[in-house]
N, C-alpha and C. Protein backbone atom coordinates (compact mmCIF):
# COMPACT_ATOMS: atom_id res chain seq x y z
N UNK A 1 -127.40 -117.57 -47.11
CA UNK A 1 -126.97 -116.40 -47.03
C UNK A 1 -126.13 -115.62 -48.27
N UNK A 2 -125.18 -116.49 -48.63
CA UNK A 2 -124.31 -115.93 -49.53
C UNK A 2 -125.15 -115.94 -50.66
N UNK A 3 -126.04 -116.95 -51.15
CA UNK A 3 -126.75 -117.04 -52.57
C UNK A 3 -127.69 -115.81 -52.28
N UNK A 4 -128.24 -115.53 -51.44
CA UNK A 4 -129.20 -114.34 -51.54
C UNK A 4 -128.28 -112.96 -51.73
N UNK A 5 -127.15 -112.90 -51.21
CA UNK A 5 -126.50 -111.71 -51.29
C UNK A 5 -125.76 -111.57 -52.68
N UNK A 6 -125.66 -112.90 -53.31
CA UNK A 6 -125.06 -112.74 -54.60
C UNK A 6 -126.31 -112.62 -55.72
N UNK A 7 -127.47 -112.91 -55.32
CA UNK A 7 -128.49 -112.70 -56.10
C UNK A 7 -128.97 -111.30 -56.27
N UNK A 8 -128.79 -110.45 -54.95
CA UNK A 8 -128.95 -109.11 -54.97
C UNK A 8 -128.04 -108.20 -55.86
N UNK A 9 -126.68 -108.85 -55.69
CA UNK A 9 -125.84 -108.03 -56.31
C UNK A 9 -125.95 -108.37 -58.12
N UNK A 10 -126.07 -109.56 -58.31
CA UNK A 10 -126.56 -109.71 -59.85
C UNK A 10 -127.58 -108.96 -60.18
N UNK A 11 -128.81 -108.83 -59.58
CA UNK A 11 -130.14 -108.19 -59.95
C UNK A 11 -129.48 -106.45 -60.00
N UNK A 12 -128.89 -106.03 -59.12
CA UNK A 12 -128.38 -104.68 -59.10
C UNK A 12 -127.48 -104.37 -60.28
N UNK A 13 -126.52 -105.15 -60.65
CA UNK A 13 -125.77 -105.11 -61.73
C UNK A 13 -126.60 -105.21 -63.00
N UNK A 14 -127.59 -105.90 -63.26
CA UNK A 14 -128.37 -106.02 -64.20
C UNK A 14 -129.28 -104.96 -64.35
N UNK A 15 -129.91 -104.33 -63.47
CA UNK A 15 -130.57 -103.23 -63.52
C UNK A 15 -129.68 -102.04 -63.90
N UNK A 16 -128.52 -101.74 -63.18
CA UNK A 16 -127.53 -100.61 -63.64
C UNK A 16 -127.16 -100.81 -64.95
N UNK A 17 -126.87 -102.01 -65.47
CA UNK A 17 -126.65 -102.09 -66.79
C UNK A 17 -127.75 -101.93 -67.91
N UNK A 18 -128.87 -102.25 -67.68
CA UNK A 18 -129.97 -102.01 -68.38
C UNK A 18 -130.24 -100.42 -68.39
N UNK A 19 -130.25 -100.01 -67.19
CA UNK A 19 -130.40 -98.19 -67.29
C UNK A 19 -129.27 -97.68 -68.11
N UNK A 20 -128.13 -98.09 -68.06
CA UNK A 20 -126.98 -97.57 -68.92
C UNK A 20 -127.40 -97.80 -70.41
N UNK A 21 -127.76 -98.96 -70.74
CA UNK A 21 -128.14 -99.35 -72.20
C UNK A 21 -129.21 -98.54 -72.56
N UNK A 22 -130.12 -98.27 -71.80
CA UNK A 22 -131.29 -97.45 -72.12
C UNK A 22 -130.99 -96.18 -72.36
N UNK A 23 -130.24 -95.39 -71.45
CA UNK A 23 -129.87 -94.30 -71.53
C UNK A 23 -128.56 -93.91 -72.45
N UNK A 24 -128.05 -94.83 -73.13
CA UNK A 24 -126.92 -94.92 -74.01
C UNK A 24 -127.16 -93.86 -74.78
N UNK A 25 -128.16 -93.42 -75.67
CA UNK A 25 -128.03 -92.25 -76.66
C UNK A 25 -127.70 -91.01 -75.91
N UNK A 26 -128.44 -90.79 -74.64
CA UNK A 26 -128.35 -89.47 -73.77
C UNK A 26 -126.85 -89.46 -73.60
N UNK A 27 -126.10 -90.72 -73.01
CA UNK A 27 -124.70 -90.41 -72.65
C UNK A 27 -123.96 -90.20 -73.81
N UNK A 28 -124.27 -90.71 -74.87
CA UNK A 28 -123.36 -90.40 -76.11
C UNK A 28 -123.70 -89.02 -76.54
N UNK A 29 -124.83 -88.40 -76.54
CA UNK A 29 -125.08 -87.05 -76.69
C UNK A 29 -124.36 -86.02 -75.91
N UNK A 30 -124.30 -86.43 -74.46
CA UNK A 30 -123.44 -85.43 -73.65
C UNK A 30 -122.12 -85.58 -73.94
N UNK A 31 -121.35 -86.82 -74.13
CA UNK A 31 -120.11 -86.77 -74.21
C UNK A 31 -119.69 -86.01 -75.81
N UNK A 32 -120.71 -86.11 -76.88
CA UNK A 32 -120.41 -85.17 -78.08
C UNK A 32 -120.82 -84.01 -78.02
N UNK A 33 -121.54 -83.42 -76.75
CA UNK A 33 -121.89 -81.93 -76.64
C UNK A 33 -123.00 -81.65 -77.81
N UNK A 34 -124.11 -82.55 -77.78
CA UNK A 34 -124.84 -82.32 -79.07
C UNK A 34 -125.58 -80.99 -78.52
N UNK A 35 -126.06 -80.17 -79.73
CA UNK A 35 -126.62 -78.87 -79.13
C UNK A 35 -127.84 -78.84 -78.68
N UNK A 36 -128.91 -79.74 -78.98
CA UNK A 36 -130.23 -79.89 -78.52
C UNK A 36 -130.64 -81.14 -77.67
N UNK A 37 -129.82 -81.03 -76.52
CA UNK A 37 -129.51 -82.37 -75.79
C UNK A 37 -130.96 -82.57 -74.98
N UNK A 38 -131.46 -81.38 -74.72
CA UNK A 38 -132.75 -81.61 -74.04
C UNK A 38 -133.95 -82.50 -74.83
N UNK A 39 -134.06 -82.19 -76.06
CA UNK A 39 -134.88 -82.97 -77.12
C UNK A 39 -134.41 -84.32 -77.10
N UNK A 40 -132.97 -84.70 -77.13
CA UNK A 40 -132.61 -86.05 -77.33
C UNK A 40 -133.09 -86.67 -76.27
N UNK A 41 -132.91 -86.01 -74.84
CA UNK A 41 -133.19 -86.70 -73.63
C UNK A 41 -134.81 -86.97 -73.50
N UNK A 42 -135.49 -86.00 -74.13
CA UNK A 42 -137.10 -86.47 -74.01
C UNK A 42 -137.41 -87.44 -74.91
N UNK A 43 -136.98 -87.55 -76.04
CA UNK A 43 -137.24 -88.55 -76.95
C UNK A 43 -136.75 -89.84 -76.39
N UNK A 44 -135.42 -90.09 -75.87
CA UNK A 44 -135.00 -91.20 -75.32
C UNK A 44 -135.74 -91.65 -73.97
N UNK A 45 -136.08 -90.85 -73.07
CA UNK A 45 -137.00 -91.23 -71.95
C UNK A 45 -138.22 -91.61 -72.10
N UNK A 46 -138.95 -90.66 -73.06
CA UNK A 46 -140.26 -90.77 -73.31
C UNK A 46 -140.62 -91.96 -74.32
N UNK A 47 -139.74 -92.03 -75.51
CA UNK A 47 -140.13 -93.12 -76.41
C UNK A 47 -139.01 -94.10 -76.50
N UNK A 48 -137.97 -94.29 -75.58
CA UNK A 48 -137.06 -95.11 -75.85
C UNK A 48 -137.28 -96.72 -75.36
N UNK A 49 -138.54 -96.76 -74.67
CA UNK A 49 -138.97 -98.02 -74.51
C UNK A 49 -139.43 -98.88 -75.89
N UNK A 50 -139.68 -98.36 -76.80
CA UNK A 50 -139.90 -98.68 -78.06
C UNK A 50 -138.66 -98.67 -78.76
N UNK A 51 -138.48 -99.51 -79.75
CA UNK A 51 -137.13 -99.83 -80.24
C UNK A 51 -136.99 -98.53 -81.22
N UNK A 52 -138.00 -98.02 -81.82
CA UNK A 52 -138.09 -97.05 -82.77
C UNK A 52 -137.45 -95.57 -82.19
N UNK A 53 -138.27 -95.27 -80.81
CA UNK A 53 -137.76 -94.22 -80.12
C UNK A 53 -136.21 -94.34 -79.81
N UNK A 54 -136.05 -95.51 -79.48
CA UNK A 54 -134.48 -95.60 -78.89
C UNK A 54 -133.39 -95.41 -80.16
N UNK A 55 -134.03 -96.07 -81.15
CA UNK A 55 -132.82 -95.72 -82.48
C UNK A 55 -133.05 -94.10 -82.86
N UNK A 56 -134.17 -93.66 -83.03
CA UNK A 56 -134.18 -92.15 -83.20
C UNK A 56 -133.38 -91.64 -82.29
N UNK A 57 -133.44 -91.77 -81.02
CA UNK A 57 -132.55 -90.84 -80.08
C UNK A 57 -131.09 -91.32 -80.27
N UNK A 58 -130.67 -92.33 -80.68
CA UNK A 58 -129.23 -92.81 -81.04
C UNK A 58 -128.90 -92.06 -82.17
N UNK A 59 -129.82 -91.97 -83.33
CA UNK A 59 -129.61 -91.17 -84.64
C UNK A 59 -129.26 -89.64 -84.08
N UNK A 60 -130.31 -89.07 -83.21
CA UNK A 60 -130.27 -87.68 -82.79
C UNK A 60 -128.60 -87.50 -82.14
N UNK A 61 -128.45 -88.83 -81.48
CA UNK A 61 -127.08 -88.37 -80.64
C UNK A 61 -125.85 -88.63 -81.72
N UNK A 62 -125.89 -89.41 -82.66
CA UNK A 62 -124.80 -89.55 -83.47
C UNK A 62 -124.74 -88.79 -84.74
N UNK A 63 -125.52 -87.81 -84.99
CA UNK A 63 -125.69 -86.85 -86.09
C UNK A 63 -124.25 -86.10 -85.98
N UNK A 64 -124.12 -85.31 -87.31
CA UNK A 64 -123.10 -84.35 -87.17
C UNK A 64 -123.65 -83.17 -86.78
N UNK A 65 -123.03 -82.80 -85.66
CA UNK A 65 -123.36 -81.30 -84.98
C UNK A 65 -122.83 -80.43 -85.89
N UNK A 66 -123.63 -79.14 -86.04
CA UNK A 66 -123.55 -78.03 -86.92
C UNK A 66 -122.32 -77.21 -86.13
N UNK A 67 -121.35 -76.81 -86.70
CA UNK A 67 -120.23 -76.05 -85.86
C UNK A 67 -121.07 -74.80 -85.16
N UNK A 68 -120.54 -74.65 -84.11
CA UNK A 68 -120.93 -73.52 -83.31
C UNK A 68 -120.18 -72.09 -83.76
N UNK A 69 -121.18 -71.21 -83.74
CA UNK A 69 -120.62 -69.85 -84.39
C UNK A 69 -119.70 -69.19 -83.36
N UNK A 70 -118.74 -68.54 -83.97
CA UNK A 70 -117.62 -67.90 -83.05
C UNK A 70 -118.43 -66.92 -82.17
N UNK A 71 -117.81 -66.94 -80.90
CA UNK A 71 -118.22 -66.01 -80.18
C UNK A 71 -117.96 -64.64 -80.48
N UNK A 72 -118.63 -63.72 -80.22
CA UNK A 72 -118.72 -62.21 -80.39
C UNK A 72 -118.32 -61.44 -79.43
N UNK A 73 -117.40 -60.62 -79.56
CA UNK A 73 -116.81 -59.99 -78.39
C UNK A 73 -117.00 -58.46 -78.71
N UNK A 74 -117.88 -57.89 -77.85
CA UNK A 74 -118.12 -56.06 -78.42
C UNK A 74 -117.24 -55.53 -77.21
N UNK A 75 -116.66 -54.55 -77.69
CA UNK A 75 -115.79 -53.71 -77.12
C UNK A 75 -116.24 -52.25 -77.39
N UNK A 76 -116.40 -51.55 -76.13
CA UNK A 76 -116.97 -49.99 -76.36
C UNK A 76 -115.93 -49.20 -75.72
N UNK A 77 -115.49 -48.30 -76.49
CA UNK A 77 -114.61 -47.49 -75.89
C UNK A 77 -115.07 -46.25 -75.66
N UNK A 78 -115.09 -45.68 -74.26
CA UNK A 78 -115.65 -44.64 -73.86
C UNK A 78 -114.72 -43.35 -74.06
N UNK A 79 -115.14 -42.31 -74.25
CA UNK A 79 -114.06 -41.07 -74.35
C UNK A 79 -113.52 -40.76 -72.81
N UNK A 80 -112.46 -40.42 -72.74
CA UNK A 80 -112.07 -40.16 -71.38
C UNK A 80 -112.92 -39.26 -70.53
N UNK A 81 -112.98 -39.35 -69.48
CA UNK A 81 -113.96 -38.82 -68.65
C UNK A 81 -113.24 -37.48 -68.47
N UNK A 82 -113.86 -36.12 -68.65
CA UNK A 82 -113.49 -35.01 -68.60
C UNK A 82 -114.34 -34.18 -67.44
N UNK A 83 -113.90 -33.74 -66.30
CA UNK A 83 -114.94 -33.29 -65.44
C UNK A 83 -115.38 -32.04 -65.85
N UNK A 84 -116.79 -31.70 -65.73
CA UNK A 84 -117.54 -30.68 -66.07
C UNK A 84 -117.02 -29.38 -65.47
N UNK A 85 -116.91 -28.34 -65.82
CA UNK A 85 -116.51 -27.27 -65.06
C UNK A 85 -117.52 -26.74 -64.02
N UNK A 86 -117.21 -26.21 -63.21
CA UNK A 86 -118.04 -25.90 -62.16
C UNK A 86 -119.14 -24.59 -62.57
N UNK A 87 -120.27 -24.88 -62.39
CA UNK A 87 -121.26 -23.79 -62.81
C UNK A 87 -121.10 -22.55 -62.08
N UNK A 88 -121.13 -21.40 -62.87
CA UNK A 88 -121.02 -20.14 -62.36
C UNK A 88 -122.25 -19.72 -61.34
N UNK A 89 -121.76 -19.19 -60.29
CA UNK A 89 -122.95 -18.72 -59.36
C UNK A 89 -124.01 -17.72 -60.20
N UNK A 90 -125.08 -17.79 -59.92
CA UNK A 90 -126.17 -17.06 -60.63
C UNK A 90 -126.25 -15.59 -60.11
N UNK A 91 -126.15 -14.58 -61.11
CA UNK A 91 -126.21 -13.29 -60.60
C UNK A 91 -127.67 -12.75 -60.22
N UNK A 92 -127.66 -11.86 -59.17
CA UNK A 92 -128.79 -11.59 -58.49
C UNK A 92 -129.61 -10.55 -59.37
N UNK A 93 -130.92 -10.87 -59.54
CA UNK A 93 -131.72 -10.08 -60.47
C UNK A 93 -132.17 -8.77 -59.62
N UNK A 94 -132.64 -7.83 -60.26
CA UNK A 94 -133.05 -6.58 -60.00
C UNK A 94 -134.21 -6.61 -58.91
N UNK A 95 -134.90 -7.71 -58.99
CA UNK A 95 -136.03 -7.71 -58.05
C UNK A 95 -135.69 -8.81 -56.95
N UNK A 96 -134.61 -9.04 -56.69
CA UNK A 96 -134.20 -9.83 -55.49
C UNK A 96 -134.16 -11.35 -55.83
N UNK A 97 -134.48 -11.72 -56.98
CA UNK A 97 -134.57 -13.09 -57.36
C UNK A 97 -133.24 -13.52 -57.87
N UNK A 98 -133.17 -14.64 -58.13
CA UNK A 98 -131.88 -15.25 -58.79
C UNK A 98 -131.94 -15.79 -60.24
N UNK A 99 -130.98 -15.71 -61.09
CA UNK A 99 -131.01 -15.94 -62.46
C UNK A 99 -130.86 -17.29 -62.41
N UNK A 100 -131.56 -18.13 -63.80
CA UNK A 100 -131.27 -19.33 -63.75
C UNK A 100 -130.02 -19.57 -64.63
N UNK A 101 -129.86 -20.95 -64.93
CA UNK A 101 -128.66 -21.22 -66.10
C UNK A 101 -128.45 -20.55 -67.09
N UNK A 102 -127.31 -20.21 -67.56
CA UNK A 102 -127.17 -19.51 -68.90
C UNK A 102 -127.84 -20.23 -69.94
N UNK A 103 -128.44 -19.47 -70.90
CA UNK A 103 -129.24 -20.19 -71.96
C UNK A 103 -128.14 -21.10 -72.98
N UNK A 104 -128.67 -22.08 -73.34
CA UNK A 104 -128.13 -23.03 -74.34
C UNK A 104 -128.53 -22.45 -75.56
N UNK A 105 -127.14 -22.83 -76.53
CA UNK A 105 -127.59 -22.39 -77.91
C UNK A 105 -128.45 -23.38 -78.54
N UNK A 106 -129.63 -22.97 -79.35
CA UNK A 106 -130.45 -23.54 -79.94
C UNK A 106 -131.61 -23.95 -79.15
N UNK A 107 -131.67 -23.73 -77.96
CA UNK A 107 -132.74 -23.87 -77.09
C UNK A 107 -133.62 -22.56 -76.62
N UNK A 108 -134.81 -22.58 -76.99
CA UNK A 108 -135.59 -21.07 -76.58
C UNK A 108 -135.68 -21.32 -75.08
N UNK A 109 -135.48 -19.70 -74.68
CA UNK A 109 -135.40 -19.90 -73.27
C UNK A 109 -137.17 -20.16 -72.76
N UNK A 110 -137.00 -20.34 -71.37
CA UNK A 110 -138.20 -20.79 -70.81
C UNK A 110 -139.29 -19.62 -70.62
N UNK A 111 -140.38 -19.70 -70.53
CA UNK A 111 -141.56 -18.64 -70.33
C UNK A 111 -141.14 -17.99 -69.19
N UNK A 112 -141.16 -16.81 -68.97
CA UNK A 112 -140.92 -16.07 -67.76
C UNK A 112 -142.40 -15.11 -67.66
N UNK A 113 -142.92 -15.39 -66.50
CA UNK A 113 -144.30 -14.73 -66.42
C UNK A 113 -143.76 -13.67 -65.38
N UNK A 114 -144.43 -12.41 -65.75
CA UNK A 114 -144.14 -11.17 -64.86
C UNK A 114 -144.84 -11.41 -63.21
N UNK A 115 -144.33 -10.92 -62.25
CA UNK A 115 -144.73 -11.44 -60.99
C UNK A 115 -146.09 -10.70 -60.97
N UNK A 116 -146.78 -11.22 -59.94
CA UNK A 116 -148.37 -11.00 -59.77
C UNK A 116 -148.28 -9.79 -59.04
N UNK A 117 -149.09 -8.70 -59.34
CA UNK A 117 -149.05 -7.52 -58.58
C UNK A 117 -149.80 -7.77 -57.11
N UNK A 118 -149.37 -6.93 -56.10
CA UNK A 118 -149.95 -7.12 -54.72
C UNK A 118 -151.35 -6.42 -54.89
N UNK A 119 -152.52 -7.23 -54.13
CA UNK A 119 -153.56 -6.66 -54.27
C UNK A 119 -154.55 -7.75 -53.51
N UNK A 120 -156.05 -7.67 -53.75
CA UNK A 120 -156.80 -8.48 -53.14
C UNK A 120 -156.68 -10.02 -53.99
N UNK A 121 -157.06 -10.94 -53.24
CA UNK A 121 -157.16 -12.27 -53.73
C UNK A 121 -157.85 -12.48 -55.19
N UNK A 122 -157.41 -13.25 -55.95
CA UNK A 122 -158.14 -13.27 -57.42
C UNK A 122 -159.42 -14.15 -57.01
N UNK A 123 -160.37 -14.17 -57.96
CA UNK A 123 -161.76 -14.69 -57.88
C UNK A 123 -161.47 -16.20 -57.74
N UNK A 124 -160.52 -16.83 -58.25
CA UNK A 124 -160.58 -18.38 -58.14
C UNK A 124 -160.04 -18.75 -56.62
N UNK A 125 -159.37 -17.52 -55.99
CA UNK A 125 -158.80 -18.26 -54.62
C UNK A 125 -159.89 -17.72 -53.72
N UNK A 126 -160.62 -16.89 -54.22
CA UNK A 126 -161.74 -16.26 -53.11
C UNK A 126 -162.64 -17.19 -52.33
N UNK A 127 -162.88 -18.47 -53.00
CA UNK A 127 -163.87 -19.43 -52.67
C UNK A 127 -163.17 -20.07 -51.54
N UNK A 128 -161.86 -20.35 -51.68
CA UNK A 128 -161.30 -21.27 -50.92
C UNK A 128 -160.75 -20.58 -49.35
N UNK A 129 -161.11 -19.42 -48.93
CA UNK A 129 -161.01 -18.67 -47.95
C UNK A 129 -161.76 -19.03 -46.90
């Protein structure tokens, strides 16, 4: 009973030790904060069973990392909020309509059509009645 338990523990420790040794390049890369850790892990997991793949992954983990660029902080200063002046009420027009907003400088006024004279329906509306 004790011999079988001891065998299980020894096999478990050997398996865990082998896994740590196999993934040693990834563990080193994580500890050193290698920039492209995904590529390192892919090479180690997929090609680590060959000695050349494991050595390549170890070389990727131990290479000198290029210094990271300093973080850039963008500050945008907005002008202070000034509440807009309330619009003036439109003046009544002679025909009973209402005037639109005052014209803005540099913008041509909108096209204003004269009112339609009262009378029979036009030819285009005659077919719809």
